[in-house]
Amino acid sequence: NRPKALNALSTGLMRELGKAALEFDQDDTIGVIVLAGNEKAFAAGADIKEMAERDFIDVYGSDFITSEWETILQVRKPVIAAVGGYALGGGCELAMMADFIIASENAKFGQPE
């Protein structure tokens, strides 16, 4: 939940998301996992401020924001991406990893890279 940064994906956020996904997957009281942002942005891609401090080799070699994607793909419970607003770059890819995408009328998907 980083509305001021349009829910940009950072290393810390992705670690938290991966940890939460595993916990939710093990919890028998939870039947489905919903990933949501806000009306303005589901996730506007990678956190450019975090990337600006690194060079390409460092970002690529460290699996920047992608380190937890396998975790999300391995969750056995249904994952729903509730997309409102922008889902760009890594945010679009995160939505596509879900089993279902429910998009609002103002949802915009893209790969601006």
Protein backbone atom coordinates (compact mmCIF):
# COMPACT_ATOMS: atom_id res chain seq x y z
CA ASN A 1 0.00 0.00 0.00
CA ARG A 2 2.11 2.86 -1.36
CA PRO A 3 -0.45 5.23 -2.92
CA LYS A 4 1.90 8.24 -3.10
CA ALA A 5 4.30 6.16 -5.20
CA LEU A 6 1.41 4.70 -7.26
CA ASN A 7 2.10 1.37 -5.52
CA ALA A 8 5.46 1.09 -7.28
CA LEU A 9 7.07 -2.31 -6.71
CA SER A 10 10.15 -2.25 -4.51
CA THR A 11 12.34 -5.03 -3.18
CA GLY A 12 10.85 -4.67 0.30
CA LEU A 13 7.28 -4.67 -0.95
CA MET A 14 7.88 -7.81 -3.03
CA ARG A 15 9.47 -9.61 -0.07
CA GLU A 16 6.46 -8.72 2.09
CA LEU A 17 4.09 -9.86 -0.66
CA GLY A 18 5.88 -13.19 -1.05
CA LYS A 19 5.88 -13.79 2.72
CA ALA A 20 2.19 -12.89 3.00
CA ALA A 21 1.29 -15.12 0.04
CA LEU A 22 2.96 -18.12 1.70
CA GLU A 23 1.26 -17.40 5.03
CA PHE A 24 -2.15 -17.01 3.38
CA ASP A 25 -1.60 -20.20 1.38
CA GLN A 26 -1.04 -22.16 4.62
CA ASP A 27 -4.03 -20.62 6.44
CA ASP A 28 -7.06 -22.92 6.14
CA THR A 29 -9.44 -20.05 6.99
CA ILE A 30 -8.45 -18.25 3.76
CA GLY A 31 -9.98 -19.49 0.52
CA VAL A 32 -8.67 -16.94 -1.98
CA ILE A 33 -5.93 -14.30 -2.12
CA VAL A 34 -6.80 -10.89 -3.57
CA LEU A 35 -4.09 -8.49 -4.72
CA ALA A 36 -5.35 -4.92 -4.95
CA GLY A 37 -4.01 -1.41 -5.23
CA ASN A 38 -6.24 1.64 -5.26
CA GLU A 39 -8.38 3.50 -7.79
CA LYS A 40 -5.40 5.35 -9.26
CA ALA A 41 -2.95 2.45 -9.55
CA PHE A 42 -2.79 -1.28 -9.00
CA ALA A 43 0.99 -0.95 -9.41
CA ALA A 44 2.77 1.50 -11.67
CA GLY A 45 5.76 -0.76 -12.22
CA ALA A 46 9.16 -0.90 -10.59
CA ASP A 47 10.18 1.70 -8.03
CA ILE A 48 12.35 3.97 -10.17
CA LYS A 49 13.82 5.69 -7.10
CA GLU A 50 15.19 2.35 -5.90
CA MET A 51 16.47 1.49 -9.38
CA ALA A 52 18.18 4.88 -9.83
CA GLU A 53 20.79 3.99 -7.22
CA ARG A 54 21.85 0.84 -9.11
CA ASP A 55 23.36 0.04 -12.48
CA PHE A 56 21.85 -2.40 -14.98
CA ILE A 57 24.05 -5.36 -14.00
CA ASP A 58 23.17 -4.91 -10.32
CA VAL A 59 19.43 -4.69 -11.02
CA TYR A 60 19.48 -7.64 -13.43
CA GLY A 61 21.78 -9.79 -11.30
CA SER A 62 19.85 -9.24 -8.09
CA ASP A 63 16.48 -10.22 -9.56
CA PHE A 64 15.18 -6.77 -8.65
CA ILE A 65 11.43 -7.08 -7.81
CA THR A 66 11.27 -10.52 -9.45
CA SER A 67 12.75 -12.52 -6.56
CA GLU A 68 9.31 -13.39 -5.14
CA TRP A 69 7.46 -13.99 -8.41
CA GLU A 70 8.04 -17.74 -8.24
CA THR A 71 6.54 -17.73 -4.75
CA ILE A 72 3.38 -16.08 -6.02
CA LEU A 73 3.17 -18.51 -8.94
CA GLN A 74 3.47 -21.50 -6.58
CA VAL A 75 0.59 -20.50 -4.30
CA ARG A 76 -2.08 -23.20 -4.54
CA LYS A 77 -5.03 -21.02 -3.57
CA PRO A 78 -6.67 -18.91 -6.27
CA VAL A 79 -5.07 -15.49 -6.64
CA ILE A 80 -7.19 -12.61 -7.94
CA ALA A 81 -5.71 -9.33 -9.15
CA ALA A 82 -8.28 -6.58 -8.55
CA VAL A 83 -6.97 -3.91 -10.91
CA GLY A 84 -8.09 -0.32 -10.79
CA GLY A 85 -6.07 2.40 -12.51
CA TYR A 86 -2.61 1.72 -13.85
CA ALA A 87 -0.99 -1.72 -14.02
CA LEU A 88 2.25 -0.93 -15.80
CA GLY A 89 5.50 -2.84 -16.33
CA GLY A 90 6.07 -5.06 -13.31
CA GLY A 91 2.58 -4.18 -12.07
CA CYS A 92 1.09 -5.56 -15.29
CA GLU A 93 3.24 -8.68 -14.94
CA LEU A 94 2.16 -9.12 -11.32
CA ALA A 95 -1.49 -8.94 -12.40
CA MET A 96 -0.84 -11.50 -15.15
CA MET A 97 0.59 -13.92 -12.56
CA ALA A 98 -2.80 -14.05 -10.85
CA ASP A 99 -5.25 -16.79 -11.72
CA PHE A 100 -7.93 -14.18 -12.46
CA ILE A 101 -7.88 -10.46 -13.19
CA ILE A 102 -10.90 -8.36 -12.31
CA ALA A 103 -10.44 -4.95 -13.91
CA SER A 104 -12.38 -1.78 -13.20
CA GLU A 105 -13.53 0.46 -16.04
CA ASN A 106 -10.55 2.76 -15.45
CA ALA A 107 -7.93 -0.04 -15.50
CA LYS A 108 -5.04 0.51 -17.91
CA PHE A 109 -2.51 -2.23 -18.64
CA GLY A 110 0.82 -1.65 -20.34
CA GLN A 111 4.49 -2.45 -20.77
CA PRO A 112 6.11 0.96 -21.25
CA GLU A 113 9.64 -0.40 -21.03
